[in-house]
Amino acid sequence: MEKKVLVIDDDTQIRDLLYDALTKSGYKVITSGVSSEALPLIQKEKPDLVLLDFKMSGKNGLEILKRIRELNLLIKVVIFTGLEDKNLEREARLLGASGFLRKSLGVEAILKAVNQILQRETSYQKEKILVVDDDKSICSLIKDFLEKKGFSVETAYTGEEGLEKFRKIRPILILLDIRLPGMDGLLTLKKIREIDQNIGVIMITGLKDEETAQKALELGAYEYIVKPFDLNYLELCVLTRLCIVSALIEK
């Protein structure tokens, strides 16, 4: 059955570009340039996914997303924006956004994100993820969850083992605990980045480690998540990073 996508953006040019790209890819597309029409259109059209611009006149994208969640509307939402703002991205994920993309990545990256989100069962079959954490139960939990989503997952329990497996399997993404015995997460991150500056690394941290997590971002980590974390939130972080990687590869 034809998938339906709703595009809400007050920029006519971007709206038209997305309409053309999505239509050519086989989606049924509804568009609007008015933020106040978002909720009525969602309730009327019941789209499979909503592409929602963050910065619009009237309510912004996050305000609309928050209202969608308050109404318990189970719908996939991708926020896209021209802003570079990690806090904004984190807030969108906490509200349950299925993706958060920067417009600078281009229409093709947004289209690829839509394809990945609506076709998750087959999107990740060949993608490798490395999980490095000395807590074997955490490794097992993440591995089981991500493998059910179609990823191929390897685990390591020390920084040294993680670095060795990184060299061997060359994953597309690494989930790396900050507190590791021996070589800690920050040093492991630094050594990984010396080998590959483009690798996506998501740090895993405890509540008391957020200052250290900020240092990890300065060293090139893509994001950090705080234990105990929601697995669906973890998936959103992974998905957003993969969309960015896909766009960089295509460029």
C-alpha atoms as a PDB file:
ATOM      1  CA  MET A   1       0.000   0.000   0.000  1.00  0.00           C
ATOM      2  CA  GLU A   2       1.162   3.518  -0.853  1.00  0.00           C
ATOM      3  CA  LYS A   3       2.816   5.278   2.094  1.00  0.00           C
ATOM      4  CA  LYS A   4       1.630   8.776   2.924  1.00  0.00           C
ATOM      5  CA  VAL A   5       3.957  11.638   3.939  1.00  0.00           C
ATOM      6  CA  LEU A   6       2.894  15.041   5.247  1.00  0.00           C
ATOM      7  CA  VAL A   7       5.352  17.929   4.705  1.00  0.00           C
ATOM      8  CA  ILE A   8       4.982  21.060   6.854  1.00  0.00           C
ATOM      9  CA  ASP A   9       7.352  23.890   5.876  1.00  0.00           C
ATOM     10  CA  ASP A  10       6.722  27.574   5.213  1.00  0.00           C
ATOM     11  CA  ASP A  11       9.567  27.666   2.661  1.00  0.00           C
ATOM     12  CA  THR A  12       7.809  27.137  -0.677  1.00  0.00           C
ATOM     13  CA  GLN A  13      10.972  26.121  -2.526  1.00  0.00           C
ATOM     14  CA  ILE A  14      11.938  23.397  -0.041  1.00  0.00           C
ATOM     15  CA  ARG A  15       8.340  22.220   0.192  1.00  0.00           C
ATOM     16  CA  ASP A  16       8.141  21.836  -3.587  1.00  0.00           C
ATOM     17  CA  LEU A  17      11.513  20.072  -3.791  1.00  0.00           C
ATOM     18  CA  LEU A  18      10.439  17.585  -1.133  1.00  0.00           C
ATOM     19  CA  TYR A  19       7.088  17.062  -2.832  1.00  0.00           C
ATOM     20  CA  ASP A  20       8.781  16.229  -6.146  1.00  0.00           C
ATOM     21  CA  ALA A  21      11.420  13.941  -4.599  1.00  0.00           C
ATOM     22  CA  LEU A  22       8.947  12.035  -2.427  1.00  0.00           C
ATOM     23  CA  THR A  23       6.357  11.693  -5.203  1.00  0.00           C
ATOM     24  CA  LYS A  24       8.977  10.312  -7.607  1.00  0.00           C
ATOM     25  CA  SER A  25       9.900   7.776  -4.923  1.00  0.00           C
ATOM     26  CA  GLY A  26       6.337   6.478  -4.814  1.00  0.00           C
ATOM     27  CA  TYR A  27       4.939   8.267  -1.767  1.00  0.00           C
ATOM     28  CA  LYS A  28       1.607  10.032  -1.586  1.00  0.00           C
ATOM     29  CA  VAL A  29       2.489  13.547  -0.420  1.00  0.00           C
ATOM     30  CA  ILE A  30       0.435  16.239   1.292  1.00  0.00           C
ATOM     31  CA  THR A  31       2.032  19.628   1.917  1.00  0.00           C
ATOM     32  CA  SER A  32       1.279  22.753   3.890  1.00  0.00           C
ATOM     33  CA  GLY A  33       3.146  25.981   4.564  1.00  0.00           C
ATOM     34  CA  VAL A  34       1.120  26.878   7.643  1.00  0.00           C
ATOM     35  CA  SER A  35       2.083  25.470  11.050  1.00  0.00           C
ATOM     36  CA  SER A  36      -1.474  25.756  12.396  1.00  0.00           C
ATOM     37  CA  GLU A  37      -2.637  23.261   9.739  1.00  0.00           C
ATOM     38  CA  ALA A  38      -0.284  20.525  10.966  1.00  0.00           C
ATOM     39  CA  LEU A  39      -2.491  18.902  13.619  1.00  0.00           C
ATOM     40  CA  PRO A  40      -5.764  19.082  11.621  1.00  0.00           C
ATOM     41  CA  LEU A  41      -4.001  17.534   8.605  1.00  0.00           C
ATOM     42  CA  ILE A  42      -2.444  14.790  10.727  1.00  0.00           C
ATOM     43  CA  GLN A  43      -5.832  13.893  12.207  1.00  0.00           C
ATOM     44  CA  LYS A  44      -7.565  14.025   8.826  1.00  0.00           C
ATOM     45  CA  GLU A  45      -4.977  12.400   6.537  1.00  0.00           C
ATOM     46  CA  LYS A  46      -3.375   9.999   9.058  1.00  0.00           C
ATOM     47  CA  PRO A  47       0.034  10.055   7.334  1.00  0.00           C
ATOM     48  CA  ASP A  48       2.680   7.396   7.926  1.00  0.00           C
ATOM     49  CA  LEU A  49       5.282  10.090   8.536  1.00  0.00           C
ATOM     50  CA  VAL A  50       5.442  13.853   9.046  1.00  0.00           C
ATOM     51  CA  LEU A  51       8.335  16.015   7.856  1.00  0.00           C
ATOM     52  CA  LEU A  52       8.237  19.042  10.104  1.00  0.00           C
ATOM     53  CA  ASP A  53      10.307  22.208   9.734  1.00  0.00           C
ATOM     54  CA  PHE A  54      11.537  23.560  13.063  1.00  0.00           C
ATOM     55  CA  LYS A  55      11.513  27.281  12.346  1.00  0.00           C
ATOM     56  CA  MET A  56       8.132  28.491  11.116  1.00  0.00           C
ATOM     57  CA  SER A  57       5.865  31.419  11.825  1.00  0.00           C
ATOM     58  CA  GLY A  58       3.368  30.545  14.534  1.00  0.00           C
ATOM     59  CA  LYS A  59       4.231  27.350  16.394  1.00  0.00           C
ATOM     60  CA  ASN A  60       7.673  25.883  15.774  1.00  0.00           C
ATOM     61  CA  GLY A  61       8.306  22.242  14.946  1.00  0.00           C
ATOM     62  CA  LEU A  62       9.053  21.166  18.515  1.00  0.00           C
ATOM     63  CA  GLU A  63       5.857  22.753  19.822  1.00  0.00           C
ATOM     64  CA  ILE A  64       3.869  20.854  17.209  1.00  0.00           C
ATOM     65  CA  LEU A  65       5.709  17.616  18.003  1.00  0.00           C
ATOM     66  CA  LYS A  66       4.991  18.086  21.701  1.00  0.00           C
ATOM     67  CA  ARG A  67       1.293  18.563  20.940  1.00  0.00           C
ATOM     68  CA  ILE A  68       1.300  15.426  18.769  1.00  0.00           C
ATOM     69  CA  ARG A  69       2.653  13.426  21.714  1.00  0.00           C
ATOM     70  CA  GLU A  70       0.182  14.999  24.162  1.00  0.00           C
ATOM     71  CA  LEU A  71      -2.629  13.793  21.909  1.00  0.00           C
ATOM     72  CA  ASN A  72      -1.079  10.301  21.901  1.00  0.00           C
ATOM     73  CA  LEU A  73      -0.891  10.303  18.114  1.00  0.00           C
ATOM     74  CA  LEU A  74       1.372   7.370  17.232  1.00  0.00           C
ATOM     75  CA  ILE A  75       3.037   8.844  14.196  1.00  0.00           C
ATOM     76  CA  LYS A  76       6.613   9.082  12.976  1.00  0.00           C
ATOM     77  CA  VAL A  77       7.944  12.647  12.880  1.00  0.00           C
ATOM     78  CA  VAL A  78      11.190  13.916  11.375  1.00  0.00           C
ATOM     79  CA  ILE A  79      12.284  17.422  12.348  1.00  0.00           C
ATOM     80  CA  PHE A  80      14.461  19.270   9.848  1.00  0.00           C
ATOM     81  CA  THR A  81      16.120  22.627  10.381  1.00  0.00           C
ATOM     82  CA  GLY A  82      18.740  25.052   9.140  1.00  0.00           C
ATOM     83  CA  LEU A  83      20.126  25.433  12.670  1.00  0.00           C
ATOM     84  CA  GLU A  84      23.165  23.678  14.175  1.00  0.00           C
ATOM     85  CA  ASP A  85      21.965  23.060  17.722  1.00  0.00           C
ATOM     86  CA  LYS A  86      22.727  19.894  19.732  1.00  0.00           C
ATOM     87  CA  ASN A  87      20.338  20.871  22.535  1.00  0.00           C
ATOM     88  CA  LEU A  88      17.528  21.282  20.020  1.00  0.00           C
ATOM     89  CA  GLU A  89      18.340  17.879  18.548  1.00  0.00           C
ATOM     90  CA  ARG A  90      18.359  16.262  21.995  1.00  0.00           C
ATOM     91  CA  GLU A  91      15.019  17.863  22.884  1.00  0.00           C
ATOM     92  CA  ALA A  92      13.485  16.581  19.643  1.00  0.00           C
ATOM     93  CA  ARG A  93      14.644  13.053  20.401  1.00  0.00           C
ATOM     94  CA  LEU A  94      13.274  13.204  23.944  1.00  0.00           C
ATOM     95  CA  LEU A  95       9.906  14.154  22.453  1.00  0.00           C
ATOM     96  CA  GLY A  96      10.064  11.048  20.289  1.00  0.00           C
ATOM     97  CA  ALA A  97      11.214  12.411  16.931  1.00  0.00           C
ATOM     98  CA  SER A  98      12.126   9.600  14.540  1.00  0.00           C
ATOM     99  CA  GLY A  99      14.858  11.754  13.059  1.00  0.00           C
ATOM    100  CA  PHE A 100      16.491  15.165  13.230  1.00  0.00           C
ATOM    101  CA  LEU A 101      18.177  16.467  10.081  1.00  0.00           C
ATOM    102  CA  ARG A 102      19.858  19.670   8.985  1.00  0.00           C
ATOM    103  CA  LYS A 103      18.630  21.183   5.731  1.00  0.00           C
ATOM    104  CA  SER A 104      22.243  21.680   4.660  1.00  0.00           C
ATOM    105  CA  LEU A 105      22.430  17.911   4.051  1.00  0.00           C
ATOM    106  CA  GLY A 106      20.043  18.369   1.133  1.00  0.00           C
ATOM    107  CA  VAL A 107      16.749  16.944  -0.076  1.00  0.00           C
ATOM    108  CA  GLU A 108      18.284  13.566  -0.966  1.00  0.00           C
ATOM    109  CA  ALA A 109      19.395  13.047   2.646  1.00  0.00           C
ATOM    110  CA  ILE A 110      15.903  13.841   3.890  1.00  0.00           C
ATOM    111  CA  LEU A 111      14.442  11.432   1.320  1.00  0.00           C
ATOM    112  CA  LYS A 112      16.855   8.729   2.437  1.00  0.00           C
ATOM    113  CA  ALA A 113      15.829   9.305   6.063  1.00  0.00           C
ATOM    114  CA  VAL A 114      12.174   8.848   5.114  1.00  0.00           C
ATOM    115  CA  ASN A 115      13.016   5.622   3.281  1.00  0.00           C
ATOM    116  CA  GLN A 116      15.018   4.304   6.230  1.00  0.00           C
ATOM    117  CA  ILE A 117      12.342   5.117   8.782  1.00  0.00           C
ATOM    118  CA  LEU A 118       9.448   3.677   6.773  1.00  0.00           C
ATOM    119  CA  GLN A 119      11.372   0.607   5.635  1.00  0.00           C
ATOM    120  CA  ARG A 120      13.431  -0.201   8.741  1.00  0.00           C
ATOM    121  CA  GLU A 121      13.041  -3.942   8.400  1.00  0.00           C
ATOM    122  CA  THR A 122      15.342  -3.998   5.364  1.00  0.00           C
ATOM    123  CA  SER A 123      17.339  -0.787   5.739  1.00  0.00           C
ATOM    124  CA  TYR A 124      19.998  -1.997   8.149  1.00  0.00           C
ATOM    125  CA  GLN A 125      20.754  -5.547   7.087  1.00  0.00           C
ATOM    126  CA  LYS A 126      24.434  -4.870   6.355  1.00  0.00           C
ATOM    127  CA  GLU A 127      25.205  -2.146   8.896  1.00  0.00           C
ATOM    128  CA  LYS A 128      27.669  -3.086  11.643  1.00  0.00           C
ATOM    129  CA  ILE A 129      27.598  -1.509  15.101  1.00  0.00           C
ATOM    130  CA  LEU A 130      30.207  -2.011  17.823  1.00  0.00           C
ATOM    131  CA  VAL A 131      29.149  -1.786  21.486  1.00  0.00           C
ATOM    132  CA  VAL A 132      31.958  -1.242  24.030  1.00  0.00           C
ATOM    133  CA  ASP A 133      30.926  -1.492  27.692  1.00  0.00           C
ATOM    134  CA  ASP A 134      32.398  -3.423  30.626  1.00  0.00           C
ATOM    135  CA  ASP A 135      28.865  -4.196  31.830  1.00  0.00           C
ATOM    136  CA  LYS A 136      28.036  -7.396  29.940  1.00  0.00           C
ATOM    137  CA  SER A 137      24.329  -7.047  30.702  1.00  0.00           C
ATOM    138  CA  ILE A 138      24.279  -3.619  28.993  1.00  0.00           C
ATOM    139  CA  CYS A 139      26.121  -5.041  25.984  1.00  0.00           C
ATOM    140  CA  SER A 140      23.680  -7.931  25.778  1.00  0.00           C
ATOM    141  CA  LEU A 141      20.647  -5.646  26.124  1.00  0.00           C
ATOM    142  CA  ILE A 142      21.794  -3.280  23.363  1.00  0.00           C
ATOM    143  CA  LYS A 143      22.936  -6.137  21.112  1.00  0.00           C
ATOM    144  CA  ASP A 144      19.610  -7.969  21.363  1.00  0.00           C
ATOM    145  CA  PHE A 145      17.624  -4.779  20.751  1.00  0.00           C
ATOM    146  CA  LEU A 146      19.616  -3.576  17.738  1.00  0.00           C
ATOM    147  CA  GLU A 147      19.825  -7.026  16.148  1.00  0.00           C
ATOM    148  CA  LYS A 148      16.029  -7.199  16.228  1.00  0.00           C
ATOM    149  CA  LYS A 149      16.105  -3.943  14.246  1.00  0.00           C
ATOM    150  CA  GLY A 150      18.269  -5.586  11.582  1.00  0.00           C
ATOM    151  CA  PHE A 151      21.759  -4.445  12.586  1.00  0.00           C
ATOM    152  CA  SER A 152      24.822  -6.658  12.875  1.00  0.00           C
ATOM    153  CA  VAL A 153      26.231  -6.033  16.372  1.00  0.00           C
ATOM    154  CA  GLU A 154      29.631  -6.853  17.877  1.00  0.00           C
ATOM    155  CA  THR A 155      30.513  -6.299  21.551  1.00  0.00           C
ATOM    156  CA  ALA A 156      33.694  -5.577  23.504  1.00  0.00           C
ATOM    157  CA  TYR A 157      34.241  -5.193  27.239  1.00  0.00           C
ATOM    158  CA  THR A 158      37.413  -3.059  27.397  1.00  0.00           C
ATOM    159  CA  GLY A 159      38.796  -0.112  25.468  1.00  0.00           C
ATOM    160  CA  GLU A 160      41.682  -2.226  24.196  1.00  0.00           C
ATOM    161  CA  GLU A 161      39.323  -4.930  22.908  1.00  0.00           C
ATOM    162  CA  GLY A 162      37.051  -2.280  21.419  1.00  0.00           C
ATOM    163  CA  LEU A 163      39.943  -0.698  19.523  1.00  0.00           C
ATOM    164  CA  GLU A 164      41.023  -4.100  18.209  1.00  0.00           C
ATOM    165  CA  LYS A 165      37.501  -4.974  17.027  1.00  0.00           C
ATOM    166  CA  PHE A 166      37.111  -1.529  15.466  1.00  0.00           C
ATOM    167  CA  ARG A 167      40.205  -2.137  13.332  1.00  0.00           C
ATOM    168  CA  LYS A 168      38.929  -5.586  12.382  1.00  0.00           C
ATOM    169  CA  ILE A 169      35.266  -5.023  11.501  1.00  0.00           C
ATOM    170  CA  ARG A 170      35.176  -1.267  10.697  1.00  0.00           C
ATOM    171  CA  PRO A 171      31.625  -0.623  11.970  1.00  0.00           C
ATOM    172  CA  ILE A 172      29.520   2.266  10.761  1.00  0.00           C
ATOM    173  CA  LEU A 173      28.853   3.304  14.373  1.00  0.00           C
ATOM    174  CA  ILE A 174      30.280   2.725  17.869  1.00  0.00           C
ATOM    175  CA  LEU A 175      28.456   2.866  21.203  1.00  0.00           C
ATOM    176  CA  LEU A 176      31.203   3.526  23.741  1.00  0.00           C
ATOM    177  CA  ASP A 177      31.001   3.596  27.532  1.00  0.00           C
ATOM    178  CA  ILE A 178      33.009   6.387  29.165  1.00  0.00           C
ATOM    179  CA  ARG A 179      34.004   4.412  32.261  1.00  0.00           C
ATOM    180  CA  LEU A 180      36.039   1.393  31.175  1.00  0.00           C
ATOM    181  CA  PRO A 181      38.754  -0.565  32.996  1.00  0.00           C
ATOM    182  CA  GLY A 182      42.257   0.087  31.689  1.00  0.00           C
ATOM    183  CA  MET A 183      41.975   2.402  28.693  1.00  0.00           C
ATOM    184  CA  ASP A 184      38.934   4.547  29.444  1.00  0.00           C
ATOM    185  CA  GLY A 185      36.307   5.694  26.960  1.00  0.00           C
ATOM    186  CA  LEU A 186      37.870   9.095  26.247  1.00  0.00           C
ATOM    187  CA  LEU A 187      41.273   7.615  25.395  1.00  0.00           C
ATOM    188  CA  THR A 188      39.605   4.898  23.326  1.00  0.00           C
ATOM    189  CA  LEU A 189      37.630   7.576  21.477  1.00  0.00           C
ATOM    190  CA  LYS A 190      40.796   9.577  20.820  1.00  0.00           C
ATOM    191  CA  LYS A 191      42.616   6.539  19.392  1.00  0.00           C
ATOM    192  CA  ILE A 192      39.618   5.595  17.239  1.00  0.00           C
ATOM    193  CA  ARG A 193      39.389   9.125  15.859  1.00  0.00           C
ATOM    194  CA  GLU A 194      43.101   9.028  15.003  1.00  0.00           C
ATOM    195  CA  ILE A 195      42.322   6.081  12.742  1.00  0.00           C
ATOM    196  CA  ASP A 196      39.027   7.381  11.311  1.00  0.00           C
ATOM    197  CA  GLN A 197      37.911  10.983  11.836  1.00  0.00           C
ATOM    198  CA  ASN A 198      34.489  10.363  10.297  1.00  0.00           C
ATOM    199  CA  ILE A 199      33.373   7.408  12.422  1.00  0.00           C
ATOM    200  CA  GLY A 200      30.214   8.039  14.412  1.00  0.00           C
ATOM    201  CA  VAL A 201      30.643   7.462  18.150  1.00  0.00           C
ATOM    202  CA  ILE A 202      27.836   7.689  20.703  1.00  0.00           C
ATOM    203  CA  MET A 203      29.116   7.793  24.282  1.00  0.00           C
ATOM    204  CA  ILE A 204      27.304   5.988  27.096  1.00  0.00           C
ATOM    205  CA  THR A 205      27.541   7.703  30.460  1.00  0.00           C
ATOM    206  CA  GLY A 206      26.212   7.642  34.013  1.00  0.00           C
ATOM    207  CA  LEU A 207      24.464  10.647  35.531  1.00  0.00           C
ATOM    208  CA  LYS A 208      27.660  11.862  37.228  1.00  0.00           C
ATOM    209  CA  ASP A 209      29.687  11.734  34.014  1.00  0.00           C
ATOM    210  CA  GLU A 210      27.982  14.455  31.973  1.00  0.00           C
ATOM    211  CA  GLU A 211      30.921  16.850  32.298  1.00  0.00           C
ATOM    212  CA  THR A 212      33.175  14.122  30.917  1.00  0.00           C
ATOM    213  CA  ALA A 213      30.616  13.477  28.178  1.00  0.00           C
ATOM    214  CA  GLN A 214      30.952  17.107  27.087  1.00  0.00           C
ATOM    215  CA  LYS A 215      34.700  16.511  26.741  1.00  0.00           C
ATOM    216  CA  ALA A 216      33.870  13.530  24.544  1.00  0.00           C
ATOM    217  CA  LEU A 217      31.836  15.785  22.246  1.00  0.00           C
ATOM    218  CA  GLU A 218      34.850  18.092  21.998  1.00  0.00           C
ATOM    219  CA  LEU A 219      36.948  15.066  20.999  1.00  0.00           C
ATOM    220  CA  GLY A 220      34.542  14.318  18.150  1.00  0.00           C
ATOM    221  CA  ALA A 221      31.849  12.072  19.618  1.00  0.00           C
ATOM    222  CA  TYR A 222      28.547  12.493  17.793  1.00  0.00           C
ATOM    223  CA  GLU A 223      26.328  12.294  20.876  1.00  0.00           C
ATOM    224  CA  TYR A 224      26.078  10.904  24.388  1.00  0.00           C
ATOM    225  CA  ILE A 225      23.270   9.097  26.174  1.00  0.00           C
ATOM    226  CA  VAL A 226      22.831   8.857  29.932  1.00  0.00           C
ATOM    227  CA  LYS A 227      22.138   5.620  31.821  1.00  0.00           C
ATOM    228  CA  PRO A 228      19.505   4.424  32.376  1.00  0.00           C
ATOM    229  CA  PHE A 229      18.435   5.177  28.809  1.00  0.00           C
ATOM    230  CA  ASP A 230      15.370   4.362  26.755  1.00  0.00           C
ATOM    231  CA  LEU A 231      16.171   1.900  23.962  1.00  0.00           C
ATOM    232  CA  ASN A 232      13.853   3.685  21.538  1.00  0.00           C
ATOM    233  CA  TYR A 233      15.759   6.907  22.229  1.00  0.00           C
ATOM    234  CA  LEU A 234      18.974   5.030  21.498  1.00  0.00           C
ATOM    235  CA  GLU A 235      17.509   3.873  18.187  1.00  0.00           C
ATOM    236  CA  LEU A 236      16.658   7.473  17.252  1.00  0.00           C
ATOM    237  CA  CYS A 237      20.246   8.532  17.957  1.00  0.00           C
ATOM    238  CA  VAL A 238      21.535   5.695  15.798  1.00  0.00           C
ATOM    239  CA  LEU A 239      19.106   6.417  12.969  1.00  0.00           C
ATOM    240  CA  THR A 240      19.920  10.130  12.859  1.00  0.00           C
ATOM    241  CA  ARG A 241      23.637   9.398  12.729  1.00  0.00           C
ATOM    242  CA  LEU A 242      23.143   6.889   9.896  1.00  0.00           C
ATOM    243  CA  CYS A 243      21.196   9.463   7.892  1.00  0.00           C
ATOM    244  CA  ILE A 244      24.086  11.904   8.288  1.00  0.00           C
ATOM    245  CA  VAL A 245      26.611   9.239   7.274  1.00  0.00           C
ATOM    246  CA  SER A 246      24.570   8.384   4.173  1.00  0.00           C
ATOM    247  CA  ALA A 247      24.461  12.038   3.143  1.00  0.00           C
ATOM    248  CA  LEU A 248      28.225  12.459   3.627  1.00  0.00           C
ATOM    249  CA  ILE A 249      28.953   9.334   1.578  1.00  0.00           C
ATOM    250  CA  GLU A 250      26.742  10.534  -1.269  1.00  0.00           C
ATOM    251  CA  LYS A 251      28.460  13.933  -1.276  1.00  0.00           C
END
